[in-house]
Amino acid sequence: MAKAPSDIWSGSALTFKSDIVEWADEKDTKLSKINPDGTVPYTAQSDIGTEADHIDGSVPSKVANVIGVSARIERVVKSAQQLASTPATEPAYSGGVNNTPTTSGDTTLDVNAIFASQNSFSEFVRAVNIGSIYSWAKGNVSGNYSSRQSNAWSPQSVNLASEECYVRNGFRGANVSSIFSGAENETDVNLAARSSMATGRSSVNIATSGGRAGRGFGAMFTPTITGGEITDLTIDAGGEDYEVGDSIAFYDRAGAGAGATAEVASVGASGEIVTVTVTAPGSSYSEMVDVGVDNGTGDFSANIAGVNYPRAYGLGSATIASSGSTAAGDNSCVFADQDSVASGQKASVFASLSCEASGDYSSVFGSSGSIASGTLSSVFAANLCEANGSQSVVMGRRTINNDNRSFAFGDAAAGATSTANRKFQILANGDVLAAGTFQGSHSFTDYAEYFENNILGTIPLGTLVALEGSKVRPAVSGDDVLGCVSATAIVATGDTPFTWQGRYVTGEFGEVIYDDIPDPDHPELIPDPDHPKRIKNPNHPQIESIPVYDDDGSIVDYQSVTVSQEWILNPDPARMVQNPNPAPMISVPRENPEYDPSYENIPRSKRPDEWTCVGLLGQIHTRVDGAVDVGDWVQPSDIPGVGTKSDTKTSVKCMSIKKPFDGEFAIAHCLYK
C-alpha cells in the first residue's frame, strides 16, 4: 500500500515523487502506467477507457481530465520538495527571555512556502500560505491558513480562516475566523470579529462588529532611508481617529536600526493623518523597515460581544455586550450598554443608555442620559441625572446632586436637570432633607425623646413621668406630666445609635463646632505621571541569521532577521512622587479630646435602666386606674406612674380603653398634646 501525501511530507525529495505517483495510481487515477517524470501516457485506463478501446493510440476527449491529474501531481511534488528537510539536524535553540526549553529538529530546504494556495505570496523567511487565496505573508514566522485576501506582515503573525484581514507593525498578531479586520500592534487578536481593529498592545476584539481596541487605525507609511537614517515619511494611507502628537514607531525587520522618532503633526476631520514630522532620524536602519502609529492607547484592552463600533481606549479597559459604547479611562468598563462612555479612571457604566462615568472611580447603573462626574460618585436607576459631588449618589429624574458625600433622590417630569428637583437628601453630617411628608404605619403614633432616669432602673411602658431636674421619674399626684414611657414612637430623638454623644465639641447653644482642614484622604504621593509606558528594549537589537539552502541541502547564503523590537512595555511600576495638587479644604466637626474610639458605644435605647424613651406628643398607651373612662382628662394619681381621672382639663385625654382595670391598672389609649 502506498503512503498518502500527508504521511510522506516529511520524507526526502528523492523518495517523495515515486511515493506520490504510487499513491495516485492506487487512489486517484488508476493509471495503467505513469512515466517516471510524472507525465501521463496515451495508453491509460479508468477515465479514458481500456487499451483495447483505443487501439490506434488516439487520445479521447476525456484524456484532458487525466492530464489535469498529472499536472496536479506535479504541483504537489513541487510543494513537497519545498517542505523537504535538510540533511543535518539542528541543535536545540537556547535563546529566549524565559529560556523555555526546546529540542533539536529539522529545517526545510526552503524556509518559506506556498501549499494548496492560489495567487498568494510568501515573501520572507519562515512565511507560509496554506490553503489560502490572494494572500500575502511577509513577516518572519508568519502565515495565512485557509484565508482569503489577507496579509500577515508582522513577525509571528497569522490569519486563520479569515477574509480581507491584516496583521502589520509590531510583533505577534492574529485574525481568527474574522472578516475585514486588522491587528496593528504587539500581540493583538481579532477573534470571530467583523470590521474590527486591534491597535493597542495585547488588545483584542472577540465576537464583535466594528470594535476598536486602541485609538487610531489604518495609517500606512513608506520611509525614506538614507545612510541608515530615517529622513522622511510618505503617508500612503491616513487612516482615521488619530490625534496630533501621536507617536510613530519604526520596526527594522532585518537590521539593528534604532533611535528614529516621529509624530503626527496634523489630522483631518475624521482623525486621518495629514502630515507627520520626523523628530530624530536614528541610525543603522536596513531597507526593511515597517512603520506604524503606537500612541499608547488601548493596551490590554478588549471589546467582547459588541456591535456598532464599541471602543476600548484606556489601559486595561473593556466594553462587554455593548453597542456603540466607549471605555476610554484606564481600567474602565462598559457592560451591557448602548452609546455610553466610561472616561474616568477605573470608571464603569452598567446596563445604561447614553450615560457617562467621567469621574475617577465613578459608576452609572441602570440609567439613561445621566452623568457621574464626581470622584467616587454614582448614579442609580436615573433618567437625566448628574452626580457631580465627590462620593455623591443620585437617583430619580432630572436631578443634580452637587453635595460631597451625600445621597439625593429627585423627580421632575419636564424641564432642565437641576438641584431644585431634589425631593429627598441625606447629607454627610447626618441631616435629612425632604420636600414631602414622612408617613408611618398606624402602630407608630407619637413623638418621643430619650431622658436619663433619675434613679437607676427600668421604668415600665405606659408609665406617666415627671421631670426631676433634667431626669425623669414616675409621676405622682401634683406633678406636671412630662409624658409617658412609649414603645410606639415614630420619631425618637436623643438616642446615641452610632457614637458617644459627647464626641464632638459644641458651642454655648449646643451647636456643633466645625473646623476647615485639608482633606486627609487627599493622597500626598501619587504614581509618577511622567512614568513612561514604553521603554527602550535593553535586549534590542537581537538579530538571527537564517541559513538559505540550495536543492541539495547546502548552505548558500544567510538571511538576517531582527527578532526584537526597539520599544517594549515598561515592566516596572511607576514610582510614587509628591502630589502637585494641594489638598482641598473640607469642613469637619471638631472632635472632643476626651473621645476614645476604643470604647464600644452602647446606644441609650439599649440601656433602659439608665435611659427612657418618653413620648411627648401624640397617641400613647398609658397606665390608668379604674376611675378613668373614655373622654376623661387624665392626671397623675397617688400610685407612681398611674393616671387617674381629672375634673379639670389637662394635657392628657383618654381616647379608648385597651385593657380593663385588673386590680392594678387599666391600659388607656390617650392623646398627649
Foldseek 3Di string as FASTA:
>chain_A
DADDPVVPLAPALVPNLVRLVVCCCPPNQVFPDADPVQAHALQTDDQQHHCVVCVVSDHDPRVVVVRVVSVVSVVSSVQSLQSYWFPDKAAWDQDDPVRDGGGIGTDGQAQEGEECEECEEEADGNEYEYCEYLEYEDAANEYEYVEYNEYENHHQEYEAVEYNEYEDEEHHEYEYCEYCEYEYYANEYEAVEYVEYADAHNEYEYLEYQEYQAFWDDWFWQFDADQFWGDDIDTPWQTFRADWFFKKFKFQWFWQWDDKIKTQHDADPRHGGDDIGTPTGTGTGDNRMGMDTHRNFRHCEYEYCEYQYEYETAANEYEYVEYCEYEQAHCEYEYCEYCEYENAHVEYEYNEYNEYENAHCEYEYCEYLEYEHAHCEYEYCEYNEYEQAHVEYEHEYLEYDHAHNKYWYFYDPDDHRYPVRTAWMAHPVGDIDGPDDDDDDPQQWFAWEKFWAPAQFFDDFQFFWADDDRHIWFDAPPGATQFTFFDRHPHYPHKDPDFDPQFFDADPVRHFDKDKDFDPPPDQKDFDPPPDQKDFDPCPFDKDWAFNRDSNSDGDGTGITGPDGGIDGDPDGGDIDGDPDTGDIDMDTHTDPPDDVVDDDDMPVNRSSTMTIGGRFTKGWHWEAQQDAAFFAWDHYRPGRYIYGDPDHGQKGFHHWPAHHPPRTTITTIGGD
